[in-house]
N, C-alpha and C. Protein backbone atom coordinates (compact mmCIF):
# COMPACT_ATOMS: atom_id res chain seq x y z
N HIS A 1 -6.24 3.55 7.50
CA HIS A 1 -5.37 3.76 8.62
C HIS A 1 -6.12 3.72 9.94
N ARG A 2 -7.40 4.01 9.91
CA ARG A 2 -8.16 4.05 11.16
C ARG A 2 -8.26 2.67 11.81
N LEU A 3 -8.45 1.63 10.99
CA LEU A 3 -8.51 0.27 11.53
C LEU A 3 -7.22 -0.07 12.25
N ALA A 4 -6.09 0.27 11.66
CA ALA A 4 -4.80 -0.07 12.25
C ALA A 4 -4.54 0.72 13.53
N LEU A 5 -4.91 1.99 13.54
CA LEU A 5 -4.56 2.84 14.68
C LEU A 5 -5.61 2.87 15.78
N GLN A 6 -6.88 2.76 15.41
CA GLN A 6 -7.94 2.94 16.40
C GLN A 6 -8.88 1.75 16.51
N GLY A 7 -8.60 0.67 15.81
CA GLY A 7 -9.48 -0.49 15.81
C GLY A 7 -9.35 -1.30 17.09
N PRO A 8 -10.15 -2.34 17.19
CA PRO A 8 -10.08 -3.21 18.37
C PRO A 8 -8.76 -3.97 18.41
N HIS A 9 -8.54 -4.70 19.46
CA HIS A 9 -7.30 -5.44 19.64
C HIS A 9 -7.11 -6.45 18.51
N GLY A 10 -5.90 -6.49 17.97
CA GLY A 10 -5.59 -7.38 16.85
C GLY A 10 -5.87 -6.75 15.50
N SER A 11 -6.35 -5.50 15.47
CA SER A 11 -6.74 -4.89 14.20
C SER A 11 -5.54 -4.44 13.37
N LEU A 12 -4.39 -4.19 13.98
CA LEU A 12 -3.20 -3.82 13.22
C LEU A 12 -2.82 -4.94 12.27
N GLU A 13 -2.80 -6.15 12.75
CA GLU A 13 -2.47 -7.30 11.91
C GLU A 13 -3.50 -7.46 10.79
N LYS A 14 -4.77 -7.25 11.10
CA LYS A 14 -5.82 -7.35 10.09
C LYS A 14 -5.66 -6.27 9.02
N ALA A 15 -5.32 -5.04 9.43
CA ALA A 15 -5.14 -3.94 8.48
C ALA A 15 -3.98 -4.22 7.53
N VAL A 16 -2.88 -4.74 8.05
CA VAL A 16 -1.72 -5.07 7.21
C VAL A 16 -2.09 -6.16 6.21
N THR A 17 -2.81 -7.17 6.65
CA THR A 17 -3.23 -8.26 5.76
C THR A 17 -4.12 -7.74 4.64
N ILE A 18 -5.05 -6.85 4.97
CA ILE A 18 -5.94 -6.28 3.96
C ILE A 18 -5.15 -5.47 2.93
N MET A 19 -4.22 -4.64 3.39
CA MET A 19 -3.45 -3.81 2.46
C MET A 19 -2.57 -4.67 1.54
N VAL A 20 -1.97 -5.71 2.08
CA VAL A 20 -1.13 -6.58 1.25
C VAL A 20 -1.98 -7.29 0.20
N SER A 21 -3.17 -7.73 0.58
CA SER A 21 -4.01 -8.46 -0.38
C SER A 21 -4.57 -7.55 -1.47
N HIS A 22 -4.68 -6.25 -1.23
CA HIS A 22 -5.23 -5.32 -2.22
C HIS A 22 -4.16 -4.54 -2.99
N ARG A 23 -2.90 -4.84 -2.76
CA ARG A 23 -1.80 -4.10 -3.37
C ARG A 23 -1.87 -4.12 -4.90
N LEU A 24 -2.06 -5.28 -5.50
CA LEU A 24 -2.09 -5.39 -6.96
C LEU A 24 -3.30 -4.66 -7.54
N HIS A 25 -4.44 -4.76 -6.88
CA HIS A 25 -5.65 -4.07 -7.34
C HIS A 25 -5.44 -2.55 -7.33
N ILE A 26 -4.79 -2.03 -6.32
CA ILE A 26 -4.54 -0.59 -6.23
C ILE A 26 -3.67 -0.13 -7.39
N PHE A 27 -2.63 -0.89 -7.71
CA PHE A 27 -1.77 -0.54 -8.84
C PHE A 27 -2.54 -0.62 -10.16
N ALA A 28 -3.41 -1.61 -10.31
CA ALA A 28 -4.18 -1.75 -11.55
C ALA A 28 -5.13 -0.57 -11.74
N VAL A 29 -5.79 -0.15 -10.68
CA VAL A 29 -6.71 0.99 -10.77
C VAL A 29 -5.94 2.27 -11.07
N ALA A 30 -4.78 2.44 -10.46
CA ALA A 30 -3.97 3.62 -10.73
C ALA A 30 -3.52 3.64 -12.20
N GLY A 31 -3.13 2.49 -12.73
CA GLY A 31 -2.73 2.41 -14.13
C GLY A 31 -3.88 2.70 -15.08
N ALA A 32 -5.06 2.16 -14.78
CA ALA A 32 -6.24 2.42 -15.62
C ALA A 32 -6.61 3.90 -15.57
N SER A 33 -6.49 4.51 -14.41
CA SER A 33 -6.78 5.95 -14.27
C SER A 33 -5.82 6.77 -15.12
N LEU A 34 -4.55 6.41 -15.08
CA LEU A 34 -3.56 7.13 -15.89
C LEU A 34 -3.86 6.97 -17.37
N LEU A 35 -4.19 5.77 -17.79
CA LEU A 35 -4.52 5.53 -19.20
C LEU A 35 -5.71 6.37 -19.64
N CYS A 36 -6.75 6.42 -18.82
CA CYS A 36 -7.94 7.22 -19.16
C CYS A 36 -7.61 8.71 -19.22
N LEU A 37 -6.75 9.19 -18.32
CA LEU A 37 -6.37 10.60 -18.31
C LEU A 37 -5.61 10.97 -19.58
N VAL A 38 -4.65 10.15 -19.97
CA VAL A 38 -3.86 10.44 -21.17
C VAL A 38 -4.74 10.32 -22.41
N LEU A 39 -5.60 9.31 -22.46
CA LEU A 39 -6.49 9.16 -23.61
C LEU A 39 -7.43 10.36 -23.74
N ALA A 40 -7.97 10.83 -22.62
CA ALA A 40 -8.85 12.01 -22.66
C ALA A 40 -8.08 13.24 -23.14
N ALA A 41 -6.84 13.41 -22.71
CA ALA A 41 -6.04 14.55 -23.15
C ALA A 41 -5.76 14.49 -24.65
N VAL A 42 -5.42 13.30 -25.16
CA VAL A 42 -5.16 13.15 -26.60
C VAL A 42 -6.41 13.43 -27.41
N LEU A 43 -7.54 12.87 -26.98
CA LEU A 43 -8.80 13.11 -27.72
C LEU A 43 -9.21 14.57 -27.67
N MET A 44 -9.01 15.22 -26.53
CA MET A 44 -9.34 16.64 -26.43
C MET A 44 -8.44 17.47 -27.35
N ALA A 45 -7.18 17.08 -27.46
CA ALA A 45 -6.27 17.78 -28.37
C ALA A 45 -6.76 17.67 -29.81
N TRP A 46 -7.20 16.48 -30.23
CA TRP A 46 -7.67 16.31 -31.60
C TRP A 46 -8.98 17.06 -31.84
N ILE A 47 -9.82 17.17 -30.82
CA ILE A 47 -11.09 17.89 -30.97
C ILE A 47 -10.86 19.39 -31.06
N LYS A 48 -9.96 19.93 -30.26
CA LYS A 48 -9.82 21.38 -30.13
C LYS A 48 -8.69 22.00 -30.93
N MET A 49 -7.63 21.28 -31.27
CA MET A 49 -6.42 21.93 -31.75
C MET A 49 -6.15 21.82 -33.25
N GLY A 50 -6.84 21.01 -33.95
CA GLY A 50 -6.60 20.91 -35.39
C GLY A 50 -5.22 20.38 -35.72
N PRO A 51 -4.46 21.11 -36.57
CA PRO A 51 -3.16 20.62 -37.04
C PRO A 51 -2.11 20.43 -35.92
N ALA A 52 -2.18 21.19 -34.85
CA ALA A 52 -1.20 21.09 -33.77
C ALA A 52 -1.45 19.87 -32.88
N ALA A 53 -2.55 19.19 -33.11
CA ALA A 53 -2.92 18.07 -32.24
C ALA A 53 -1.89 16.94 -32.28
N GLY A 54 -1.23 16.74 -33.39
CA GLY A 54 -0.24 15.67 -33.48
C GLY A 54 0.92 15.88 -32.52
N VAL A 55 1.42 17.11 -32.47
CA VAL A 55 2.54 17.43 -31.57
C VAL A 55 2.09 17.31 -30.11
N VAL A 56 0.93 17.87 -29.80
CA VAL A 56 0.41 17.83 -28.43
C VAL A 56 0.13 16.38 -28.03
N SER A 57 -0.43 15.59 -28.92
CA SER A 57 -0.70 14.18 -28.62
C SER A 57 0.59 13.43 -28.34
N ALA A 58 1.64 13.72 -29.12
CA ALA A 58 2.93 13.07 -28.90
C ALA A 58 3.49 13.40 -27.52
N ILE A 59 3.31 14.66 -27.10
CA ILE A 59 3.78 15.07 -25.76
C ILE A 59 3.00 14.32 -24.69
N PHE A 60 1.67 14.26 -24.83
CA PHE A 60 0.85 13.55 -23.84
C PHE A 60 1.20 12.06 -23.80
N LEU A 61 1.40 11.46 -24.96
CA LEU A 61 1.74 10.04 -25.01
C LEU A 61 3.12 9.77 -24.41
N ALA A 62 4.07 10.68 -24.64
CA ALA A 62 5.39 10.53 -24.02
C ALA A 62 5.28 10.63 -22.50
N PHE A 63 4.48 11.58 -22.04
CA PHE A 63 4.26 11.72 -20.60
C PHE A 63 3.63 10.45 -20.03
N GLY A 64 2.60 9.95 -20.71
CA GLY A 64 1.93 8.72 -20.26
C GLY A 64 2.88 7.54 -20.24
N GLY A 65 3.74 7.43 -21.26
CA GLY A 65 4.71 6.35 -21.29
C GLY A 65 5.73 6.46 -20.16
N ALA A 66 6.20 7.67 -19.88
CA ALA A 66 7.17 7.87 -18.80
C ALA A 66 6.56 7.52 -17.44
N VAL A 67 5.35 7.95 -17.21
CA VAL A 67 4.70 7.66 -15.93
C VAL A 67 4.38 6.17 -15.82
N SER A 68 3.99 5.54 -16.92
CA SER A 68 3.73 4.10 -16.91
C SER A 68 5.00 3.33 -16.59
N TYR A 69 6.11 3.76 -17.15
CA TYR A 69 7.39 3.12 -16.87
C TYR A 69 7.73 3.23 -15.38
N ARG A 70 7.54 4.42 -14.81
CA ARG A 70 7.82 4.62 -13.38
C ARG A 70 6.88 3.76 -12.52
N MET A 71 5.62 3.65 -12.92
CA MET A 71 4.69 2.80 -12.17
C MET A 71 5.13 1.34 -12.23
N HIS A 72 5.63 0.92 -13.38
CA HIS A 72 6.13 -0.45 -13.53
C HIS A 72 7.32 -0.68 -12.59
N LEU A 73 8.22 0.31 -12.49
CA LEU A 73 9.35 0.20 -11.57
C LEU A 73 8.87 0.13 -10.13
N LEU A 74 7.89 0.96 -9.78
CA LEU A 74 7.34 0.93 -8.42
C LEU A 74 6.70 -0.40 -8.10
N LEU A 75 5.98 -0.96 -9.05
CA LEU A 75 5.36 -2.26 -8.84
C LEU A 75 6.43 -3.31 -8.53
N GLY A 76 7.55 -3.23 -9.24
CA GLY A 76 8.65 -4.14 -8.96
C GLY A 76 9.25 -3.93 -7.58
N LEU A 77 9.34 -2.67 -7.15
CA LEU A 77 9.88 -2.39 -5.82
C LEU A 77 8.96 -2.90 -4.72
N PHE A 78 7.66 -2.90 -4.98
CA PHE A 78 6.70 -3.34 -3.96
C PHE A 78 6.42 -4.84 -3.99
N GLN A 79 7.07 -5.58 -4.87
CA GLN A 79 6.94 -7.03 -4.87
C GLN A 79 7.75 -7.58 -3.71
N ILE A 80 7.09 -8.19 -2.77
CA ILE A 80 7.75 -8.72 -1.57
C ILE A 80 7.57 -10.23 -1.58
N PRO A 81 8.67 -10.98 -1.46
CA PRO A 81 8.52 -12.44 -1.39
C PRO A 81 7.67 -12.84 -0.19
N GLU A 82 6.87 -13.89 -0.36
CA GLU A 82 5.96 -14.33 0.71
C GLU A 82 6.70 -14.56 2.02
N SER A 83 7.94 -15.02 1.94
CA SER A 83 8.68 -15.31 3.17
C SER A 83 9.06 -14.06 3.93
N GLN A 84 9.01 -12.88 3.28
CA GLN A 84 9.40 -11.63 3.93
C GLN A 84 8.22 -10.73 4.27
N VAL A 85 7.01 -11.13 3.96
CA VAL A 85 5.83 -10.30 4.24
C VAL A 85 5.59 -10.29 5.74
N VAL A 86 5.42 -9.08 6.29
CA VAL A 86 5.14 -8.96 7.72
C VAL A 86 3.64 -8.97 7.94
N THR A 87 3.25 -9.28 9.16
CA THR A 87 1.83 -9.39 9.46
C THR A 87 1.30 -8.23 10.28
N GLY A 88 2.16 -7.40 10.83
CA GLY A 88 1.72 -6.33 11.72
C GLY A 88 1.84 -6.75 13.17
N ALA A 89 2.11 -8.02 13.41
CA ALA A 89 2.29 -8.49 14.78
C ALA A 89 3.67 -8.07 15.27
N VAL A 90 3.71 -7.52 16.46
CA VAL A 90 4.97 -7.09 17.04
C VAL A 90 5.15 -7.85 18.35
N GLN A 91 6.25 -8.55 18.47
CA GLN A 91 6.51 -9.31 19.68
C GLN A 91 7.77 -8.78 20.35
N VAL A 92 7.69 -8.62 21.65
CA VAL A 92 8.82 -8.17 22.44
C VAL A 92 9.21 -9.30 23.38
N ASN A 93 10.45 -9.70 23.35
CA ASN A 93 10.91 -10.77 24.23
C ASN A 93 11.18 -10.22 25.62
N SER A 94 10.77 -10.95 26.61
CA SER A 94 10.97 -10.56 28.00
C SER A 94 12.38 -10.94 28.43
N PRO A 95 13.15 -9.99 28.98
CA PRO A 95 14.50 -10.33 29.42
C PRO A 95 14.51 -11.21 30.67
N ASN A 96 13.40 -11.23 31.41
CA ASN A 96 13.34 -12.00 32.65
C ASN A 96 13.06 -13.47 32.42
N GLU A 97 12.36 -13.79 31.34
CA GLU A 97 11.97 -15.18 31.09
C GLU A 97 12.49 -15.58 29.71
N SER A 98 13.18 -16.68 29.63
CA SER A 98 13.70 -17.12 28.33
C SER A 98 12.56 -17.65 27.47
N GLY A 99 12.51 -17.16 26.24
CA GLY A 99 11.50 -17.63 25.30
C GLY A 99 10.14 -16.96 25.45
N ALA A 100 9.91 -16.20 26.51
CA ALA A 100 8.61 -15.56 26.70
C ALA A 100 8.54 -14.31 25.83
N ALA A 101 7.41 -14.07 25.23
CA ALA A 101 7.23 -12.91 24.37
C ALA A 101 5.86 -12.30 24.62
N ILE A 102 5.77 -10.99 24.38
CA ILE A 102 4.51 -10.27 24.49
C ILE A 102 4.13 -9.82 23.09
N ASP A 103 2.94 -10.15 22.64
CA ASP A 103 2.46 -9.74 21.33
C ASP A 103 1.79 -8.38 21.48
N LEU A 104 2.48 -7.31 21.03
CA LEU A 104 1.98 -5.95 21.22
C LEU A 104 0.72 -5.66 20.41
N SER A 105 0.51 -6.36 19.29
CA SER A 105 -0.68 -6.09 18.50
C SER A 105 -1.94 -6.59 19.18
N ARG A 106 -1.79 -7.47 20.16
CA ARG A 106 -2.95 -8.01 20.87
C ARG A 106 -2.99 -7.56 22.33
N LEU A 107 -2.10 -6.66 22.70
CA LEU A 107 -2.02 -6.19 24.08
C LEU A 107 -3.16 -5.22 24.38
N ASN A 108 -3.78 -5.38 25.51
CA ASN A 108 -4.79 -4.41 25.94
C ASN A 108 -4.45 -3.96 27.35
N PRO A 109 -5.02 -2.85 27.80
CA PRO A 109 -4.64 -2.33 29.11
C PRO A 109 -4.84 -3.33 30.24
N GLY A 110 -5.86 -4.15 30.17
CA GLY A 110 -6.11 -5.13 31.23
C GLY A 110 -5.04 -6.20 31.29
N SER A 111 -4.48 -6.57 30.12
CA SER A 111 -3.48 -7.63 30.13
C SER A 111 -2.17 -7.15 30.74
N ALA A 112 -1.84 -5.86 30.61
CA ALA A 112 -0.63 -5.31 31.22
C ALA A 112 -0.76 -5.38 32.74
N ALA A 113 -1.91 -5.02 33.28
CA ALA A 113 -2.12 -5.08 34.73
C ALA A 113 -2.07 -6.53 35.19
N HIS A 114 -2.63 -7.43 34.40
CA HIS A 114 -2.63 -8.85 34.74
C HIS A 114 -1.20 -9.41 34.75
N ALA A 115 -0.37 -8.95 33.81
CA ALA A 115 1.01 -9.43 33.74
C ALA A 115 1.80 -8.95 34.96
N HIS A 116 1.55 -7.70 35.38
CA HIS A 116 2.26 -7.18 36.56
C HIS A 116 1.79 -7.90 37.83
N ALA A 117 0.53 -8.28 37.89
CA ALA A 117 0.01 -8.97 39.07
C ALA A 117 0.63 -10.36 39.18
N ARG A 118 0.91 -11.01 38.03
CA ARG A 118 1.51 -12.35 38.06
C ARG A 118 2.97 -12.29 38.48
N ALA A 119 3.65 -11.19 38.19
CA ALA A 119 5.09 -11.10 38.45
C ALA A 119 5.40 -10.85 39.90
């Protein structure tokens, strides 16, 4: 978030591009982490609990399956068609000039003063 909020001019667009390109990797790491957590819980149950381990393992596996299903649904919700992906660039159309736009992601304090001087 620091790049987007406090980075140099044009960094908002760069931050959005980076996050979009790493989206699938983030979901994969989260899924692998969940798998390791459930596997560790099942193995710990078999090491420590003896006969009750089957019931406890079934509960952990059901929990892991439910969370995996929800992650799969979230992954589907976060699938954005390429034509709808935003870049972080924000443009404001000027009411005084037809077709003129100001790109807010690249705006710096000096350019605002320069724009007022031209007007």
